[in-house]
Structure formats: C-alpha cells, structure tokens
Amino acid sequence: AKHRPLNSVLIKPTGPDCNLDCSYCFYLEKSELFKQSPV
C-alpha cells in the first residue's frame, strides 16, 4: 500500500454534543458510544 502523508485531520472536540436537534442529523446518536458521561 502507498504511504499516506498526514495532510488533514477532522476533529470533534465536543463529540456528538450539539445545541440543536436537527431532524436529519446522523451524529447525535453517536452519544451511545460514549455513555461514560452525558457531556
């Protein structure tokens, strides 16, 4: 496999936490992966 250089990274510092409740959001449910804390 070709070696990939590190050119970009996507960071989620608040995880799935959001102040909105958009109907189509796919990420709010990811809180199930991080049940250790509600925040």
PDB file of all heavy atoms in Angstrom:
ATOM      1  N   ALA A   1       0.823  -1.197   0.000  1.00  0.00           N
ATOM      2  CA  ALA A   1       0.000   0.000   0.000  1.00  0.00           C
ATOM      3  C   ALA A   1       0.865   1.259   0.000  1.00  0.00           C
ATOM      4  O   ALA A   1       1.929   1.294   0.608  1.00  0.00           O
ATOM      5  CB  ALA A   1      -0.919   0.003   1.219  1.00  0.00           C
ATOM      6  N   LYS A   2       0.381   2.271  -0.706  1.00  0.00           N
ATOM      7  CA  LYS A   2       1.083   3.547  -0.775  1.00  0.00           C
ATOM      8  C   LYS A   2       1.014   4.254   0.576  1.00  0.00           C
ATOM      9  O   LYS A   2      -0.032   4.295   1.212  1.00  0.00           O
ATOM     10  CB  LYS A   2       0.448   4.415  -1.857  1.00  0.00           C
ATOM     11  CG  LYS A   2       1.113   5.762  -2.041  1.00  0.00           C
ATOM     12  CD  LYS A   2       0.410   6.558  -3.128  1.00  0.00           C
ATOM     13  CE  LYS A   2       1.035   7.936  -3.286  1.00  0.00           C
ATOM     14  NZ  LYS A   2       0.331   8.730  -4.331  1.00  0.00           N
ATOM     15  N   HIS A   3       2.149   4.792   1.005  1.00  0.00           N
ATOM     16  CA  HIS A   3       2.190   5.518   2.275  1.00  0.00           C
ATOM     17  C   HIS A   3       1.433   6.831   2.141  1.00  0.00           C
ATOM     18  O   HIS A   3       1.670   7.609   1.218  1.00  0.00           O
ATOM     19  CB  HIS A   3       3.637   5.790   2.683  1.00  0.00           C
ATOM     20  CG  HIS A   3       3.749   6.564   3.970  1.00  0.00           C
ATOM     21  ND1 HIS A   3       3.653   5.955   5.207  1.00  0.00           N
ATOM     22  CD2 HIS A   3       3.936   7.890   4.201  1.00  0.00           C
ATOM     23  CE1 HIS A   3       3.784   6.880   6.151  1.00  0.00           C
ATOM     24  NE2 HIS A   3       3.956   8.054   5.558  1.00  0.00           N
ATOM     25  N   ARG A   4       0.513   7.066   3.056  1.00  0.00           N
ATOM     26  CA  ARG A   4      -0.266   8.298   3.036  1.00  0.00           C
ATOM     27  C   ARG A   4       0.398   9.342   3.925  1.00  0.00           C
ATOM     28  O   ARG A   4       0.649   9.087   5.104  1.00  0.00           O
ATOM     29  CB  ARG A   4      -1.687   8.060   3.542  1.00  0.00           C
ATOM     30  CG  ARG A   4      -2.583   7.258   2.617  1.00  0.00           C
ATOM     31  CD  ARG A   4      -3.985   7.203   3.200  1.00  0.00           C
ATOM     32  NE  ARG A   4      -4.902   6.394   2.430  1.00  0.00           N
ATOM     33  CZ  ARG A   4      -5.642   6.840   1.416  1.00  0.00           C
ATOM     34  NH1 ARG A   4      -5.549   8.108   1.056  1.00  0.00           N
ATOM     35  NH2 ARG A   4      -6.465   6.038   0.778  1.00  0.00           N
ATOM     36  N   PRO A   5       0.629  10.533   3.417  1.00  0.00           N
ATOM     37  CA  PRO A   5       1.137  11.613   4.271  1.00  0.00           C
ATOM     38  C   PRO A   5       0.004  12.184   5.120  1.00  0.00           C
ATOM     39  O   PRO A   5      -1.173  12.071   4.754  1.00  0.00           O
ATOM     40  CB  PRO A   5       1.637  12.645   3.255  1.00  0.00           C
ATOM     41  CG  PRO A   5       0.755  12.434   2.054  1.00  0.00           C
ATOM     42  CD  PRO A   5       0.490  10.940   2.005  1.00  0.00           C
ATOM     43  N   LEU A   6       0.339  12.785   6.224  1.00  0.00           N
ATOM     44  CA  LEU A   6      -0.653  13.407   7.096  1.00  0.00           C
ATOM     45  C   LEU A   6      -0.894  14.829   6.607  1.00  0.00           C
ATOM     46  O   LEU A   6      -0.138  15.747   6.924  1.00  0.00           O
ATOM     47  CB  LEU A   6      -0.179  13.398   8.548  1.00  0.00           C
ATOM     48  CG  LEU A   6      -1.130  14.022   9.577  1.00  0.00           C
ATOM     49  CD1 LEU A   6      -2.459  13.286   9.602  1.00  0.00           C
ATOM     50  CD2 LEU A   6      -0.489  14.011  10.964  1.00  0.00           C
ATOM     51  N   ASN A   7      -1.953  14.998   5.822  1.00  0.00           N
ATOM     52  CA  ASN A   7      -2.273  16.306   5.259  1.00  0.00           C
ATOM     53  C   ASN A   7      -3.454  16.979   5.940  1.00  0.00           C
ATOM     54  O   ASN A   7      -3.576  18.206   5.897  1.00  0.00           O
ATOM     55  CB  ASN A   7      -2.579  16.183   3.764  1.00  0.00           C
ATOM     56  CG  ASN A   7      -1.378  15.730   2.962  1.00  0.00           C
ATOM     57  OD1 ASN A   7      -0.248  16.077   3.290  1.00  0.00           O
ATOM     58  ND2 ASN A   7      -1.608  14.943   1.930  1.00  0.00           N
ATOM     59  N   SER A   8      -4.337  16.167   6.539  1.00  0.00           N
ATOM     60  CA  SER A   8      -5.516  16.749   7.166  1.00  0.00           C
ATOM     61  C   SER A   8      -6.056  15.820   8.242  1.00  0.00           C
ATOM     62  O   SER A   8      -5.848  14.607   8.201  1.00  0.00           O
ATOM     63  CB  SER A   8      -6.607  17.037   6.128  1.00  0.00           C
ATOM     64  OG  SER A   8      -7.030  15.845   5.501  1.00  0.00           O
ATOM     65  N   VAL A   9      -6.751  16.423   9.175  1.00  0.00           N
ATOM     66  CA  VAL A   9      -7.381  15.668  10.253  1.00  0.00           C
ATOM     67  C   VAL A   9      -8.683  16.359  10.616  1.00  0.00           C
ATOM     68  O   VAL A   9      -8.789  17.594  10.587  1.00  0.00           O
ATOM     69  CB  VAL A   9      -6.442  15.562  11.481  1.00  0.00           C
ATOM     70  CG1 VAL A   9      -6.080  16.929  12.019  1.00  0.00           C
ATOM     71  CG2 VAL A   9      -7.061  14.702  12.578  1.00  0.00           C
ATOM     72  N   LEU A  10      -9.698  15.573  10.889  1.00  0.00           N
ATOM     73  CA  LEU A  10     -11.005  16.093  11.286  1.00  0.00           C
ATOM     74  C   LEU A  10     -11.172  15.849  12.781  1.00  0.00           C
ATOM     75  O   LEU A  10     -11.006  14.718  13.243  1.00  0.00           O
ATOM     76  CB  LEU A  10     -12.109  15.408  10.484  1.00  0.00           C
ATOM     77  CG  LEU A  10     -13.500  16.038  10.505  1.00  0.00           C
ATOM     78  CD1 LEU A  10     -14.280  15.620   9.263  1.00  0.00           C
ATOM     79  CD2 LEU A  10     -14.285  15.622  11.750  1.00  0.00           C
ATOM     80  N   ILE A  11     -11.495  16.898  13.523  1.00  0.00           N
ATOM     81  CA  ILE A  11     -11.507  16.832  14.985  1.00  0.00           C
ATOM     82  C   ILE A  11     -12.892  17.165  15.514  1.00  0.00           C
ATOM     83  O   ILE A  11     -13.506  18.155  15.093  1.00  0.00           O
ATOM     84  CB  ILE A  11     -10.474  17.819  15.569  1.00  0.00           C
ATOM     85  CG1 ILE A  11      -9.102  17.588  14.937  1.00  0.00           C
ATOM     86  CG2 ILE A  11     -10.389  17.673  17.090  1.00  0.00           C
ATOM     87  CD1 ILE A  11      -8.140  18.744  15.131  1.00  0.00           C
ATOM     88  N   LYS A  12     -13.366  16.336  16.442  1.00  0.00           N
ATOM     89  CA  LYS A  12     -14.686  16.538  17.046  1.00  0.00           C
ATOM     90  C   LYS A  12     -14.517  16.765  18.552  1.00  0.00           C
ATOM     91  O   LYS A  12     -14.694  15.840  19.348  1.00  0.00           O
ATOM     92  CB  LYS A  12     -15.572  15.334  16.761  1.00  0.00           C
ATOM     93  CG  LYS A  12     -15.921  15.192  15.277  1.00  0.00           C
ATOM     94  CD  LYS A  12     -16.784  13.979  15.032  1.00  0.00           C
ATOM     95  CE  LYS A  12     -17.268  13.928  13.586  1.00  0.00           C
ATOM     96  NZ  LYS A  12     -18.289  14.927  13.245  1.00  0.00           N
ATOM     97  N   PRO A  13     -14.194  18.004  18.953  1.00  0.00           N
ATOM     98  CA  PRO A  13     -13.862  18.255  20.359  1.00  0.00           C
ATOM     99  C   PRO A  13     -15.047  18.150  21.315  1.00  0.00           C
ATOM    100  O   PRO A  13     -14.852  17.996  22.520  1.00  0.00           O
ATOM    101  CB  PRO A  13     -13.302  19.675  20.339  1.00  0.00           C
ATOM    102  CG  PRO A  13     -13.928  20.308  19.144  1.00  0.00           C
ATOM    103  CD  PRO A  13     -14.046  19.212  18.129  1.00  0.00           C
ATOM    104  N   THR A  14     -16.277  18.223  20.791  1.00  0.00           N
ATOM    105  CA  THR A  14     -17.459  18.049  21.646  1.00  0.00           C
ATOM    106  C   THR A  14     -18.183  16.743  21.338  1.00  0.00           C
ATOM    107  O   THR A  14     -19.315  16.532  21.794  1.00  0.00           O
ATOM    108  CB  THR A  14     -18.450  19.215  21.475  1.00  0.00           C
ATOM    109  OG1 THR A  14     -18.918  19.234  20.112  1.00  0.00           O
ATOM    110  CG2 THR A  14     -17.799  20.542  21.817  1.00  0.00           C
ATOM    111  N   GLY A  15     -17.526  15.862  20.592  1.00  0.00           N
ATOM    112  CA  GLY A  15     -18.164  14.599  20.236  1.00  0.00           C
ATOM    113  C   GLY A  15     -19.503  14.837  19.553  1.00  0.00           C
ATOM    114  O   GLY A  15     -19.626  15.706  18.686  1.00  0.00           O
ATOM    115  N   PRO A  16     -20.544  14.123  19.973  1.00  0.00           N
ATOM    116  CA  PRO A  16     -21.862  14.280  19.361  1.00  0.00           C
ATOM    117  C   PRO A  16     -22.711  15.384  19.988  1.00  0.00           C
ATOM    118  O   PRO A  16     -23.863  15.585  19.583  1.00  0.00           O
ATOM    119  CB  PRO A  16     -22.501  12.908  19.604  1.00  0.00           C
ATOM    120  CG  PRO A  16     -21.908  12.469  20.902  1.00  0.00           C
ATOM    121  CD  PRO A  16     -20.489  12.994  20.912  1.00  0.00           C
ATOM    122  N   ASP A  17     -22.170  16.099  20.968  1.00  0.00           N
ATOM    123  CA  ASP A  17     -22.955  17.121  21.667  1.00  0.00           C
ATOM    124  C   ASP A  17     -23.270  18.295  20.748  1.00  0.00           C
ATOM    125  O   ASP A  17     -22.389  18.795  20.030  1.00  0.00           O
ATOM    126  CB  ASP A  17     -22.208  17.640  22.893  1.00  0.00           C
ATOM    127  CG  ASP A  17     -22.042  16.583  23.969  1.00  0.00           C
ATOM    128  OD1 ASP A  17     -22.487  15.439  23.762  1.00  0.00           O
ATOM    129  OD2 ASP A  17     -21.458  16.899  25.021  1.00  0.00           O
ATOM    130  N   CYS A  18     -24.512  18.753  20.799  1.00  0.00           N
ATOM    131  CA  CYS A  18     -24.940  19.857  19.958  1.00  0.00           C
ATOM    132  C   CYS A  18     -26.052  20.626  20.656  1.00  0.00           C
ATOM    133  O   CYS A  18     -26.819  20.055  21.443  1.00  0.00           O
ATOM    134  CB  CYS A  18     -25.429  19.337  18.606  1.00  0.00           C
ATOM    135  SG  CYS A  18     -25.752  20.650  17.395  1.00  0.00           S
ATOM    136  N   ASN A  19     -26.146  21.902  20.360  1.00  0.00           N
ATOM    137  CA  ASN A  19     -27.222  22.730  20.904  1.00  0.00           C
ATOM    138  C   ASN A  19     -28.439  22.771  19.991  1.00  0.00           C
ATOM    139  O   ASN A  19     -29.404  23.479  20.278  1.00  0.00           O
ATOM    140  CB  ASN A  19     -26.713  24.152  21.179  1.00  0.00           C
ATOM    141  CG  ASN A  19     -26.010  24.775  19.987  1.00  0.00           C
ATOM    142  OD1 ASN A  19     -25.637  24.089  19.029  1.00  0.00           O
ATOM    143  ND2 ASN A  19     -25.828  26.086  20.020  1.00  0.00           N
ATOM    144  N   LEU A  20     -28.390  22.010  18.897  1.00  0.00           N
ATOM    145  CA  LEU A  20     -29.547  21.880  18.012  1.00  0.00           C
ATOM    146  C   LEU A  20     -30.038  20.438  18.001  1.00  0.00           C
ATOM    147  O   LEU A  20     -29.385  19.531  18.516  1.00  0.00           O
ATOM    148  CB  LEU A  20     -29.208  22.330  16.592  1.00  0.00           C
ATOM    149  CG  LEU A  20     -28.793  23.795  16.394  1.00  0.00           C
ATOM    150  CD1 LEU A  20     -28.723  24.128  14.906  1.00  0.00           C
ATOM    151  CD2 LEU A  20     -29.730  24.745  17.109  1.00  0.00           C
ATOM    152  N   ASP A  21     -31.189  20.257  17.384  1.00  0.00           N
ATOM    153  CA  ASP A  21     -31.805  18.929  17.308  1.00  0.00           C
ATOM    154  C   ASP A  21     -32.361  18.734  15.901  1.00  0.00           C
ATOM    155  O   ASP A  21     -33.555  18.521  15.712  1.00  0.00           O
ATOM    156  CB  ASP A  21     -32.917  18.813  18.355  1.00  0.00           C
ATOM    157  CG  ASP A  21     -33.383  17.370  18.564  1.00  0.00           C
ATOM    158  OD1 ASP A  21     -32.639  16.452  18.162  1.00  0.00           O
ATOM    159  OD2 ASP A  21     -34.480  17.180  19.104  1.00  0.00           O
ATOM    160  N   CYS A  22     -31.478  18.803  14.915  1.00  0.00           N
ATOM    161  CA  CYS A  22     -31.885  18.713  13.514  1.00  0.00           C
ATOM    162  C   CYS A  22     -32.420  17.318  13.185  1.00  0.00           C
ATOM    163  O   CYS A  22     -31.834  16.308  13.578  1.00  0.00           O
ATOM    164  CB  CYS A  22     -30.716  19.056  12.603  1.00  0.00           C
ATOM    165  SG  CYS A  22     -30.013  20.698  12.915  1.00  0.00           S
ATOM    166  N   SER A  23     -33.505  17.284  12.453  1.00  0.00           N
ATOM    167  CA  SER A  23     -34.193  16.017  12.179  1.00  0.00           C
ATOM    168  C   SER A  23     -33.327  15.015  11.438  1.00  0.00           C
ATOM    169  O   SER A  23     -33.427  13.802  11.658  1.00  0.00           O
ATOM    170  CB  SER A  23     -35.459  16.287  11.353  1.00  0.00           C
ATOM    171  OG  SER A  23     -36.298  17.211  11.986  1.00  0.00           O
ATOM    172  N   TYR A  24     -32.476  15.501  10.543  1.00  0.00           N
ATOM    173  CA  TYR A  24     -31.719  14.595   9.684  1.00  0.00           C
ATOM    174  C   TYR A  24     -30.318  14.278  10.207  1.00  0.00           C
ATOM    175  O   TYR A  24     -29.552  13.582   9.546  1.00  0.00           O
ATOM    176  CB  TYR A  24     -31.614  15.150   8.258  1.00  0.00           C
ATOM    177  CG  TYR A  24     -31.133  16.579   8.153  1.00  0.00           C
ATOM    178  CD1 TYR A  24     -29.882  16.965   8.621  1.00  0.00           C
ATOM    179  CD2 TYR A  24     -31.935  17.559   7.562  1.00  0.00           C
ATOM    180  CE1 TYR A  24     -29.436  18.268   8.508  1.00  0.00           C
ATOM    181  CE2 TYR A  24     -31.503  18.867   7.442  1.00  0.00           C
ATOM    182  CZ  TYR A  24     -30.252  19.220   7.921  1.00  0.00           C
ATOM    183  OH  TYR A  24     -29.814  20.509   7.809  1.00  0.00           O
ATOM    184  N   CYS A  25     -29.961  14.795  11.378  1.00  0.00           N
ATOM    185  CA  CYS A  25     -28.600  14.601  11.874  1.00  0.00           C
ATOM    186  C   CYS A  25     -28.299  13.132  12.164  1.00  0.00           C
ATOM    187  O   CYS A  25     -29.064  12.456  12.847  1.00  0.00           O
ATOM    188  CB  CYS A  25     -28.369  15.426  13.137  1.00  0.00           C
ATOM    189  SG  CYS A  25     -26.672  15.298  13.765  1.00  0.00           S
ATOM    190  N   PHE A  26     -27.174  12.661  11.653  1.00  0.00           N
ATOM    191  CA  PHE A  26     -26.769  11.274  11.874  1.00  0.00           C
ATOM    192  C   PHE A  26     -25.840  11.135  13.067  1.00  0.00           C
ATOM    193  O   PHE A  26     -25.551  10.012  13.504  1.00  0.00           O
ATOM    194  CB  PHE A  26     -26.059  10.726  10.624  1.00  0.00           C
ATOM    195  CG  PHE A  26     -24.675  11.277  10.417  1.00  0.00           C
ATOM    196  CD1 PHE A  26     -23.562  10.583  10.864  1.00  0.00           C
ATOM    197  CD2 PHE A  26     -24.480  12.505   9.791  1.00  0.00           C
ATOM    198  CE1 PHE A  26     -22.275  11.103  10.688  1.00  0.00           C
ATOM    199  CE2 PHE A  26     -23.210  13.025   9.605  1.00  0.00           C
ATOM    200  CZ  PHE A  26     -22.107  12.320  10.053  1.00  0.00           C
ATOM    201  N   TYR A  27     -25.350  12.266  13.615  1.00  0.00           N
ATOM    202  CA  TYR A  27     -24.282  12.161  14.606  1.00  0.00           C
ATOM    203  C   TYR A  27     -24.757  12.227  16.052  1.00  0.00           C
ATOM    204  O   TYR A  27     -24.046  11.788  16.958  1.00  0.00           O
ATOM    205  CB  TYR A  27     -23.215  13.236  14.361  1.00  0.00           C
ATOM    206  CG  TYR A  27     -21.832  12.744  14.748  1.00  0.00           C
ATOM    207  CD1 TYR A  27     -21.138  11.866  13.926  1.00  0.00           C
ATOM    208  CD2 TYR A  27     -21.244  13.121  15.938  1.00  0.00           C
ATOM    209  CE1 TYR A  27     -19.889  11.373  14.283  1.00  0.00           C
ATOM    210  CE2 TYR A  27     -19.987  12.648  16.312  1.00  0.00           C
ATOM    211  CZ  TYR A  27     -19.324  11.772  15.477  1.00  0.00           C
ATOM    212  OH  TYR A  27     -18.089  11.280  15.851  1.00  0.00           O
ATOM    213  N   LEU A  28     -25.931  12.764  16.304  1.00  0.00           N
ATOM    214  CA  LEU A  28     -26.421  12.861  17.680  1.00  0.00           C
ATOM    215  C   LEU A  28     -26.482  11.492  18.350  1.00  0.00           C
ATOM    216  O   LEU A  28     -26.195  11.345  19.540  1.00  0.00           O
ATOM    217  CB  LEU A  28     -27.802  13.521  17.706  1.00  0.00           C
ATOM    218  CG  LEU A  28     -27.866  15.001  17.324  1.00  0.00           C
ATOM    219  CD1 LEU A  28     -29.319  15.471  17.290  1.00  0.00           C
ATOM    220  CD2 LEU A  28     -27.059  15.856  18.304  1.00  0.00           C
ATOM    221  N   GLU A  29     -26.831  10.481  17.581  1.00  0.00           N
ATOM    222  CA  GLU A  29     -26.967   9.134  18.142  1.00  0.00           C
ATOM    223  C   GLU A  29     -25.630   8.510  18.526  1.00  0.00           C
ATOM    224  O   GLU A  29     -25.592   7.479  19.207  1.00  0.00           O
ATOM    225  CB  GLU A  29     -27.691   8.226  17.146  1.00  0.00           C
ATOM    226  CG  GLU A  29     -26.944   8.005  15.843  1.00  0.00           C
ATOM    227  CD  GLU A  29     -27.781   7.282  14.803  1.00  0.00           C
ATOM    228  OE1 GLU A  29     -28.989   7.567  14.690  1.00  0.00           O
ATOM    229  OE2 GLU A  29     -27.219   6.422  14.096  1.00  0.00           O
ATOM    230  N   LYS A  30     -24.517   9.126  18.109  1.00  0.00           N
ATOM    231  CA  LYS A  30     -23.204   8.594  18.474  1.00  0.00           C
ATOM    232  C   LYS A  30     -22.931   8.722  19.969  1.00  0.00           C
ATOM    233  O   LYS A  30     -21.953   8.146  20.466  1.00  0.00           O
ATOM    234  CB  LYS A  30     -22.105   9.321  17.693  1.00  0.00           C
ATOM    235  CG  LYS A  30     -22.191   9.140  16.190  1.00  0.00           C
ATOM    236  CD  LYS A  30     -22.047   7.690  15.767  1.00  0.00           C
ATOM    237  CE  LYS A  30     -22.105   7.550  14.259  1.00  0.00           C
ATOM    238  NZ  LYS A  30     -22.012   6.137  13.808  1.00  0.00           N
ATOM    239  N   SER A  31     -23.781   9.452  20.681  1.00  0.00           N
ATOM    240  CA  SER A  31     -23.621   9.540  22.136  1.00  0.00           C
ATOM    241  C   SER A  31     -23.706   8.161  22.784  1.00  0.00           C
ATOM    242  O   SER A  31     -23.188   7.952  23.886  1.00  0.00           O
ATOM    243  CB  SER A  31     -24.684  10.463  22.733  1.00  0.00           C
ATOM    244  OG  SER A  31     -25.990   9.988  22.439  1.00  0.00           O
ATOM    245  N   GLU A  32     -24.333   7.198  22.101  1.00  0.00           N
ATOM    246  CA  GLU A  32     -24.416   5.824  22.606  1.00  0.00           C
ATOM    247  C   GLU A  32     -23.036   5.189  22.728  1.00  0.00           C
ATOM    248  O   GLU A  32     -22.849   4.247  23.503  1.00  0.00           O
ATOM    249  CB  GLU A  32     -25.302   4.977  21.679  1.00  0.00           C
ATOM    250  CG  GLU A  32     -26.778   5.360  21.704  1.00  0.00           C
ATOM    251  CD  GLU A  32     -27.407   5.106  23.068  1.00  0.00           C
ATOM    252  OE1 GLU A  32     -27.230   3.992  23.596  1.00  0.00           O
ATOM    253  OE2 GLU A  32     -28.059   6.017  23.600  1.00  0.00           O
ATOM    254  N   LEU A  33     -22.068   5.691  21.964  1.00  0.00           N
ATOM    255  CA  LEU A  33     -20.709   5.156  22.031  1.00  0.00           C
ATOM    256  C   LEU A  33     -19.933   5.694  23.226  1.00  0.00           C
ATOM    257  O   LEU A  33     -18.899   5.139  23.596  1.00  0.00           O
ATOM    258  CB  LEU A  33     -19.946   5.496  20.747  1.00  0.00           C
ATOM    259  CG  LEU A  33     -20.438   4.877  19.442  1.00  0.00           C
ATOM    260  CD1 LEU A  33     -19.647   5.441  18.274  1.00  0.00           C
ATOM    261  CD2 LEU A  33     -20.315   3.360  19.488  1.00  0.00           C
ATOM    262  N   PHE A  34     -20.428   6.779  23.797  1.00  0.00           N
ATOM    263  CA  PHE A  34     -19.690   7.467  24.864  1.00  0.00           C
ATOM    264  C   PHE A  34     -20.591   7.681  26.083  1.00  0.00           C
ATOM    265  O   PHE A  34     -20.827   8.808  26.511  1.00  0.00           O
ATOM    266  CB  PHE A  34     -19.154   8.808  24.340  1.00  0.00           C
ATOM    267  CG  PHE A  34     -18.484   8.720  22.999  1.00  0.00           C
ATOM    268  CD1 PHE A  34     -19.070   9.278  21.869  1.00  0.00           C
ATOM    269  CD2 PHE A  34     -17.266   8.068  22.854  1.00  0.00           C
ATOM    270  CE1 PHE A  34     -18.458   9.204  20.631  1.00  0.00           C
ATOM    271  CE2 PHE A  34     -16.645   7.972  21.615  1.00  0.00           C
ATOM    272  CZ  PHE A  34     -17.238   8.541  20.503  1.00  0.00           C
ATOM    273  N   LYS A  35     -21.090   6.590  26.608  1.00  0.00           N
ATOM    274  CA  LYS A  35     -22.056   6.647  27.704  1.00  0.00           C
ATOM    275  C   LYS A  35     -21.433   6.970  29.059  1.00  0.00           C
ATOM    276  O   LYS A  35     -22.155   7.176  30.038  1.00  0.00           O
ATOM    277  CB  LYS A  35     -22.802   5.316  27.802  1.00  0.00           C
ATOM    278  CG  LYS A  35     -23.717   5.020  26.625  1.00  0.00           C
ATOM    279  CD  LYS A  35     -24.454   3.700  26.826  1.00  0.00           C
ATOM    280  CE  LYS A  35     -25.418   3.414  25.696  1.00  0.00           C
ATOM    281  NZ  LYS A  35     -26.136   2.120  25.892  1.00  0.00           N
ATOM    282  N   GLN A  36     -20.099   7.017  29.113  1.00  0.00           N
ATOM    283  CA  GLN A  36     -19.442   7.258  30.397  1.00  0.00           C
ATOM    284  C   GLN A  36     -19.818   8.618  30.975  1.00  0.00           C
ATOM    285  O   GLN A  36     -19.770   8.819  32.187  1.00  0.00           O
ATOM    286  CB  GLN A  36     -17.915   7.175  30.245  1.00  0.00           C
ATOM    287  CG  GLN A  36     -17.405   5.809  29.792  1.00  0.00           C
ATOM    288  CD  GLN A  36     -17.372   5.683  28.275  1.00  0.00           C
ATOM    289  OE1 GLN A  36     -18.015   6.455  27.559  1.00  0.00           O
ATOM    290  NE2 GLN A  36     -16.626   4.703  27.783  1.00  0.00           N
ATOM    291  N   SER A  37     -20.189   9.554  30.102  1.00  0.00           N
ATOM    292  CA  SER A  37     -20.534  10.893  30.556  1.00  0.00           C
ATOM    293  C   SER A  37     -21.631  11.467  29.669  1.00  0.00           C
ATOM    294  O   SER A  37     -21.636  11.233  28.461  1.00  0.00           O
ATOM    295  CB  SER A  37     -19.309  11.811  30.519  1.00  0.00           C
ATOM    296  OG  SER A  37     -19.667  13.150  30.787  1.00  0.00           O
ATOM    297  N   PRO A  38     -22.577  12.234  30.259  1.00  0.00           N
ATOM    298  CA  PRO A  38     -23.627  12.846  29.443  1.00  0.00           C
ATOM    299  C   PRO A  38     -23.127  14.058  28.652  1.00  0.00           C
ATOM    300  O   PRO A  38     -23.767  14.495  27.700  1.00  0.00           O
ATOM    301  CB  PRO A  38     -24.671  13.262  30.482  1.00  0.00           C
ATOM    302  CG  PRO A  38     -23.883  13.485  31.734  1.00  0.00           C
ATOM    303  CD  PRO A  38     -22.780  12.469  31.697  1.00  0.00           C
ATOM    304  N   VAL A  39     -21.979  14.609  29.077  1.00  0.00           N
ATOM    305  CA  VAL A  39     -21.386  15.757  28.398  1.00  0.00           C
ATOM    306  C   VAL A  39     -20.013  15.349  27.879  1.00  0.00           C
ATOM    307  O   VAL A  39     -19.242  14.696  28.588  1.00  0.00           O
ATOM    308  CB  VAL A  39     -21.251  16.969  29.342  1.00  0.00           C
ATOM    309  CG1 VAL A  39     -20.575  18.131  28.628  1.00  0.00           C
ATOM    310  CG2 VAL A  39     -22.626  17.392  29.859  1.00  0.00           C
TER     311      VAL A  39
END
